[in-house]
Amino acid sequence: MVLSQVQLTPFTKTDFNVYQALMTQAHIQSGLQINSDYLADNFLADLSQPIFNQVVYEQQCIGFIILYEVISNDASTRYQLAFGLDAKFEHQGYMLQALRMQLTRLQSNTIIQAEVLPENHPSLALLAHLNFTKLGQVQDLFGQQRFIFEFTIK
């Protein structure tokens, strides 16, 4: 169980080393399909996203939350969610706490979608716990099946 609260802190252009330490962990690379040859370019692209936060616990970055803006034809705001946690801090409630915090900071009529590999049971359980609705399954560009989830801020 989490003993103290996590904080969300925006990444800045000086935080590449922190980003690199997270994005080079095998479980994060697998889930997000990251190629470590392009980390610097990915970091710069992620800095331009509306939300690119560090999950901070005891003054240490232990994870990240990124909300990628999605263009929509209606009045809603839409984001694609990506998140990851340092392996040493998994299964302790930190990401649940961080995502709850992030979701409460969003405006109403915001729709969040997430894609998760079927074998990523911790992320599947986390999205279920946060009341994301499973919409279906797709095959990604790499030929892997992914479940699609959605959550609407009311």
Protein backbone atom coordinates (compact mmCIF):
# COMPACT_ATOMS: atom_id res chain seq x y z
CA MET A 1 0.00 0.00 0.00
CA VAL A 2 1.16 3.54 -0.80
CA LEU A 3 2.32 5.32 2.34
CA SER A 4 2.51 8.86 0.98
CA GLN A 5 1.01 10.64 -1.97
CA VAL A 6 2.59 10.87 -5.38
CA GLN A 7 2.89 14.18 -7.17
CA LEU A 8 2.55 15.05 -10.83
CA THR A 9 5.26 17.33 -12.18
CA PRO A 10 5.53 18.41 -15.82
CA PHE A 11 8.58 17.20 -17.71
CA THR A 12 10.86 19.98 -18.91
CA LYS A 13 13.51 19.99 -21.62
CA THR A 14 16.18 19.32 -18.96
CA ASP A 15 14.57 16.02 -17.88
CA PHE A 16 15.75 13.83 -20.77
CA ASN A 17 17.90 11.60 -18.50
CA VAL A 18 14.86 10.83 -16.33
CA TYR A 19 12.78 10.07 -19.42
CA GLN A 20 15.53 7.88 -20.86
CA ALA A 21 15.86 5.87 -17.63
CA LEU A 22 12.14 5.02 -17.78
CA MET A 23 11.79 4.49 -21.52
CA THR A 24 14.70 2.06 -21.72
CA GLN A 25 13.09 -0.38 -19.28
CA ALA A 26 12.03 -3.48 -21.21
CA HIS A 27 8.43 -3.59 -19.94
CA ILE A 28 7.84 0.04 -20.96
CA GLN A 29 9.47 -0.40 -24.36
CA SER A 30 7.34 -3.46 -25.01
CA GLY A 31 4.06 -1.85 -23.98
CA LEU A 32 4.61 1.39 -25.86
CA GLN A 33 6.53 -0.05 -28.83
CA ILE A 34 9.41 2.39 -28.28
CA ASN A 35 12.57 2.24 -30.34
CA SER A 36 15.44 3.42 -28.12
CA ASP A 37 17.27 4.79 -31.21
CA TYR A 38 14.72 7.61 -31.36
CA LEU A 39 14.36 8.51 -27.67
CA ALA A 40 15.61 12.08 -28.08
CA ASP A 41 13.12 12.72 -30.90
CA ASN A 42 10.32 11.05 -28.95
CA PHE A 43 11.15 13.17 -25.91
CA LEU A 44 10.92 16.40 -27.91
CA ALA A 45 7.62 15.28 -29.41
CA ASP A 46 6.26 14.34 -25.97
CA LEU A 47 7.25 17.78 -24.62
CA SER A 48 4.82 19.31 -27.13
CA GLN A 49 1.88 17.26 -25.83
CA PRO A 50 -0.80 18.91 -23.66
CA ILE A 51 0.08 16.71 -20.68
CA PHE A 52 3.50 15.13 -20.15
CA ASN A 53 3.93 14.54 -16.43
CA GLN A 54 6.42 12.81 -14.21
CA VAL A 55 4.97 10.68 -11.44
CA VAL A 56 7.08 11.73 -8.46
CA TYR A 57 7.35 9.84 -5.19
CA GLU A 58 9.66 10.99 -2.40
CA GLN A 59 11.31 13.52 -4.77
CA GLN A 60 12.13 10.83 -7.34
CA CYS A 61 10.54 10.33 -10.76
CA ILE A 62 9.09 6.83 -10.74
CA GLY A 63 6.87 7.03 -13.81
CA PHE A 64 5.12 9.13 -16.41
CA ILE A 65 1.70 10.01 -17.78
CA ILE A 66 1.30 11.38 -21.29
CA LEU A 67 -1.94 12.55 -22.84
CA TYR A 68 -1.63 12.88 -26.62
CA GLU A 69 -4.17 15.22 -28.17
CA VAL A 70 -6.54 13.57 -30.65
CA ILE A 71 -8.42 15.64 -33.21
CA SER A 72 -12.18 15.09 -33.01
CA ASN A 73 -15.21 16.23 -35.00
CA ASP A 74 -17.34 17.04 -31.97
CA ALA A 75 -17.12 19.43 -29.03
CA SER A 76 -15.30 16.97 -26.78
CA THR A 77 -11.62 17.07 -25.95
CA ARG A 78 -9.97 13.73 -26.73
CA TYR A 79 -6.68 12.27 -25.60
CA GLN A 80 -4.74 9.05 -26.11
CA LEU A 81 -3.28 7.91 -22.77
CA ALA A 82 0.19 6.47 -22.28
CA PHE A 83 1.67 5.68 -18.89
CA GLY A 84 4.49 3.72 -17.36
CA LEU A 85 6.10 3.04 -14.04
CA ASP A 86 9.60 2.10 -13.00
CA ALA A 87 9.60 -1.66 -12.41
CA LYS A 88 10.75 -1.20 -8.79
CA PHE A 89 7.52 0.64 -7.98
CA GLU A 90 4.95 -1.56 -9.72
CA HIS A 91 2.03 -3.23 -7.93
CA GLN A 92 2.07 -0.79 -5.02
CA GLY A 93 -0.74 1.60 -6.02
CA TYR A 94 1.41 4.49 -7.24
CA MET A 95 0.09 4.59 -10.80
CA LEU A 96 -3.50 4.20 -9.64
CA GLN A 97 -3.02 7.19 -7.40
CA ALA A 98 -1.29 9.21 -10.14
CA LEU A 99 -3.92 8.46 -12.79
CA ARG A 100 -6.76 9.31 -10.41
CA MET A 101 -5.04 12.61 -9.71
CA GLN A 102 -4.54 13.29 -13.41
CA LEU A 103 -8.13 12.47 -14.30
CA THR A 104 -9.48 14.89 -11.67
CA ARG A 105 -7.48 17.70 -13.30
CA LEU A 106 -9.21 17.35 -16.66
CA GLN A 107 -12.23 19.31 -17.82
CA SER A 108 -15.66 17.77 -18.21
CA ASN A 109 -16.53 16.37 -21.62
CA THR A 110 -13.00 14.99 -22.01
CA ILE A 111 -12.61 11.54 -23.50
CA ILE A 112 -9.52 9.45 -22.77
CA GLN A 113 -8.63 6.39 -24.80
CA ALA A 114 -5.95 3.83 -24.02
CA GLU A 115 -4.57 0.84 -25.90
CA VAL A 116 -3.21 -2.09 -23.89
CA LEU A 117 -1.60 -5.37 -24.87
CA PRO A 118 -3.80 -8.32 -23.79
CA GLU A 119 -0.94 -9.82 -21.76
CA ASN A 120 -0.40 -6.59 -19.79
CA HIS A 121 -2.58 -7.70 -16.87
CA PRO A 122 -1.49 -4.93 -14.45
CA SER A 123 -2.51 -2.18 -16.90
CA LEU A 124 -5.75 -3.96 -17.74
CA ALA A 125 -6.59 -4.22 -14.04
CA LEU A 126 -5.65 -0.59 -13.48
CA LEU A 127 -7.94 0.67 -16.26
CA ALA A 128 -10.77 -1.53 -14.98
CA HIS A 129 -10.25 -0.12 -11.47
CA LEU A 130 -10.51 3.40 -12.92
CA ASN A 131 -13.78 2.45 -14.69
CA PHE A 132 -12.45 2.63 -18.24
CA THR A 133 -14.80 0.85 -20.64
CA LYS A 134 -13.39 -1.77 -22.99
CA LEU A 135 -14.49 -0.84 -26.53
CA GLY A 136 -12.90 -3.67 -28.45
CA GLN A 137 -9.68 -5.00 -29.88
CA VAL A 138 -7.45 -3.88 -32.77
CA GLN A 139 -4.22 -4.97 -34.37
CA ASP A 140 -1.51 -2.30 -34.12
CA LEU A 141 1.11 -1.38 -36.73
CA PHE A 142 3.45 -4.02 -35.32
CA GLY A 143 0.92 -6.83 -35.73
CA GLN A 144 0.13 -7.07 -32.03
CA GLN A 145 -3.40 -7.24 -30.70
CA ARG A 146 -4.39 -4.41 -28.38
CA PHE A 147 -7.50 -3.77 -26.34
CA ILE A 148 -9.05 -0.31 -26.69
CA PHE A 149 -10.44 1.38 -23.56
CA GLU A 150 -12.24 4.66 -23.07
CA PHE A 151 -13.14 6.90 -20.15
CA THR A 152 -15.22 10.08 -20.22
CA ILE A 153 -14.84 12.89 -17.71
CA LYS A 154 -18.36 14.06 -16.90
